[in-house]
Amino acid sequence: MAASICKRHDGDPRAVYQNYLDELKKLMTEGVGRLPPVQTDLQPPPWLKAAGPVEISRIWEIEAYGHCFPLLEPKDNNRQP
């Protein structure tokens, strides 16, 4: 909210406190709006059934922080150590 006031008045954060504090308080009282309702009636896309089953663990290695790396060779989960 303070950043929007900075941009609107071409000022810096200190200027917001010194010159536009009442405007900032008004914005904070009004809030930022409401989030859209959560959609609960989600359906899979129509093409998914035609694609057939795919076991992603044999094709991709997925790390916890969201990076995906294609495997050079498919994993063999049945192989003995």
C-alpha atoms as a PDB file:
ATOM      1  CA  MET A   1       0.000   0.000   0.000  1.00  0.00           C
ATOM      2  CA  ALA A   2       2.799   2.401   0.867  1.00  0.00           C
ATOM      3  CA  ALA A   3       4.505   1.535  -2.415  1.00  0.00           C
ATOM      4  CA  SER A   4       1.389   2.527  -4.355  1.00  0.00           C
ATOM      5  CA  ILE A   5       1.388   5.890  -2.575  1.00  0.00           C
ATOM      6  CA  CYS A   6       5.091   6.345  -3.392  1.00  0.00           C
ATOM      7  CA  LYS A   7       4.370   5.689  -7.038  1.00  0.00           C
ATOM      8  CA  ARG A   8       1.247   7.860  -7.144  1.00  0.00           C
ATOM      9  CA  HIS A   9       3.002  10.863  -5.580  1.00  0.00           C
ATOM     10  CA  ASP A  10       6.461  10.165  -7.023  1.00  0.00           C
ATOM     11  CA  GLY A  11       7.926  10.019  -3.528  1.00  0.00           C
ATOM     12  CA  ASP A  12       9.925   7.751  -1.271  1.00  0.00           C
ATOM     13  CA  PRO A  13       8.879   5.819   1.870  1.00  0.00           C
ATOM     14  CA  ARG A  14       9.921   8.703   4.128  1.00  0.00           C
ATOM     15  CA  ALA A  15       7.597  11.033   2.168  1.00  0.00           C
ATOM     16  CA  VAL A  16       4.710   8.633   2.738  1.00  0.00           C
ATOM     17  CA  TYR A  17       5.241   8.828   6.487  1.00  0.00           C
ATOM     18  CA  GLN A  18       5.818  12.584   6.531  1.00  0.00           C
ATOM     19  CA  ASN A  19       3.218  13.737   4.000  1.00  0.00           C
ATOM     20  CA  TYR A  20       0.718  10.973   3.218  1.00  0.00           C
ATOM     21  CA  LEU A  21       0.257   9.065   6.467  1.00  0.00           C
ATOM     22  CA  ASP A  22      -3.494   9.756   6.593  1.00  0.00           C
ATOM     23  CA  GLU A  23      -3.850   8.411   3.056  1.00  0.00           C
ATOM     24  CA  LEU A  24      -1.916   5.270   4.021  1.00  0.00           C
ATOM     25  CA  LYS A  25      -4.070   4.743   7.119  1.00  0.00           C
ATOM     26  CA  LYS A  26      -7.211   5.080   4.982  1.00  0.00           C
ATOM     27  CA  LEU A  27      -5.915   2.474   2.524  1.00  0.00           C
ATOM     28  CA  MET A  28      -5.040   0.112   5.381  1.00  0.00           C
ATOM     29  CA  THR A  29      -8.513   0.531   6.863  1.00  0.00           C
ATOM     30  CA  GLU A  30     -10.164  -0.264   3.523  1.00  0.00           C
ATOM     31  CA  GLY A  31      -7.975  -3.323   2.994  1.00  0.00           C
ATOM     32  CA  VAL A  32      -6.857  -4.881  -0.242  1.00  0.00           C
ATOM     33  CA  GLY A  33     -10.113  -6.497  -1.237  1.00  0.00           C
ATOM     34  CA  ARG A  34     -11.426 -10.014  -1.083  1.00  0.00           C
ATOM     35  CA  LEU A  35      -9.949 -13.158  -2.535  1.00  0.00           C
ATOM     36  CA  PRO A  36     -11.995 -14.887  -5.226  1.00  0.00           C
ATOM     37  CA  PRO A  37     -13.989 -17.887  -4.018  1.00  0.00           C
ATOM     38  CA  VAL A  38     -12.230 -21.239  -4.082  1.00  0.00           C
ATOM     39  CA  GLN A  39     -13.327 -23.333  -7.041  1.00  0.00           C
ATOM     40  CA  THR A  40     -14.403 -26.750  -5.733  1.00  0.00           C
ATOM     41  CA  ASP A  41     -15.935 -28.272  -8.850  1.00  0.00           C
ATOM     42  CA  LEU A  42     -12.665 -28.898 -10.696  1.00  0.00           C
ATOM     43  CA  GLN A  43     -12.708 -31.649 -13.308  1.00  0.00           C
ATOM     44  CA  PRO A  44      -9.795 -33.261 -15.159  1.00  0.00           C
ATOM     45  CA  PRO A  45      -9.325 -32.044 -18.746  1.00  0.00           C
ATOM     46  CA  PRO A  46     -11.145 -34.107 -21.396  1.00  0.00           C
ATOM     47  CA  TRP A  47      -7.908 -35.204 -23.131  1.00  0.00           C
ATOM     48  CA  LEU A  48      -6.529 -36.847 -19.979  1.00  0.00           C
ATOM     49  CA  LYS A  49      -8.471 -40.092 -20.375  1.00  0.00           C
ATOM     50  CA  ALA A  50      -7.257 -40.468 -23.978  1.00  0.00           C
ATOM     51  CA  ALA A  51      -3.624 -39.905 -22.911  1.00  0.00           C
ATOM     52  CA  GLY A  52      -3.636 -43.085 -20.841  1.00  0.00           C
ATOM     53  CA  PRO A  53      -1.843 -43.778 -17.594  1.00  0.00           C
ATOM     54  CA  VAL A  54       1.702 -42.496 -17.184  1.00  0.00           C
ATOM     55  CA  GLU A  55       3.864 -43.190 -14.182  1.00  0.00           C
ATOM     56  CA  ILE A  56       5.767 -39.947 -13.845  1.00  0.00           C
ATOM     57  CA  SER A  57       8.322 -41.413 -11.431  1.00  0.00           C
ATOM     58  CA  ARG A  58       9.781 -43.481 -14.274  1.00  0.00           C
ATOM     59  CA  ILE A  59      10.199 -40.459 -16.545  1.00  0.00           C
ATOM     60  CA  TRP A  60      11.083 -37.502 -14.290  1.00  0.00           C
ATOM     61  CA  GLU A  61      13.054 -36.945 -11.156  1.00  0.00           C
ATOM     62  CA  ILE A  62      11.269 -34.313  -9.111  1.00  0.00           C
ATOM     63  CA  GLU A  63      12.956 -32.487  -6.267  1.00  0.00           C
ATOM     64  CA  ALA A  64      11.115 -31.064  -3.282  1.00  0.00           C
ATOM     65  CA  TYR A  65      11.652 -27.446  -4.270  1.00  0.00           C
ATOM     66  CA  GLY A  66       9.931 -27.833  -7.636  1.00  0.00           C
ATOM     67  CA  HIS A  67      12.663 -28.537 -10.166  1.00  0.00           C
ATOM     68  CA  CYS A  68      12.103 -31.421 -12.573  1.00  0.00           C
ATOM     69  CA  PHE A  69      14.874 -33.235 -14.355  1.00  0.00           C
ATOM     70  CA  PRO A  70      14.270 -35.832 -17.096  1.00  0.00           C
ATOM     71  CA  LEU A  71      15.995 -39.101 -16.372  1.00  0.00           C
ATOM     72  CA  LEU A  72      18.419 -40.386 -18.983  1.00  0.00           C
ATOM     73  CA  GLU A  73      17.291 -43.945 -18.316  1.00  0.00           C
ATOM     74  CA  PRO A  74      13.930 -44.969 -16.843  1.00  0.00           C
ATOM     75  CA  LYS A  75      14.076 -46.052 -13.215  1.00  0.00           C
ATOM     76  CA  ASP A  76      13.756 -49.783 -12.665  1.00  0.00           C
ATOM     77  CA  ASN A  77      11.939 -50.076  -9.351  1.00  0.00           C
ATOM     78  CA  ASN A  78      12.023 -53.881  -9.490  1.00  0.00           C
ATOM     79  CA  ARG A  79      15.820 -54.144  -9.721  1.00  0.00           C
ATOM     80  CA  GLN A  80      17.579 -55.790  -6.771  1.00  0.00           C
ATOM     81  CA  PRO A  81      20.390 -53.779  -5.100  1.00  0.00           C
END
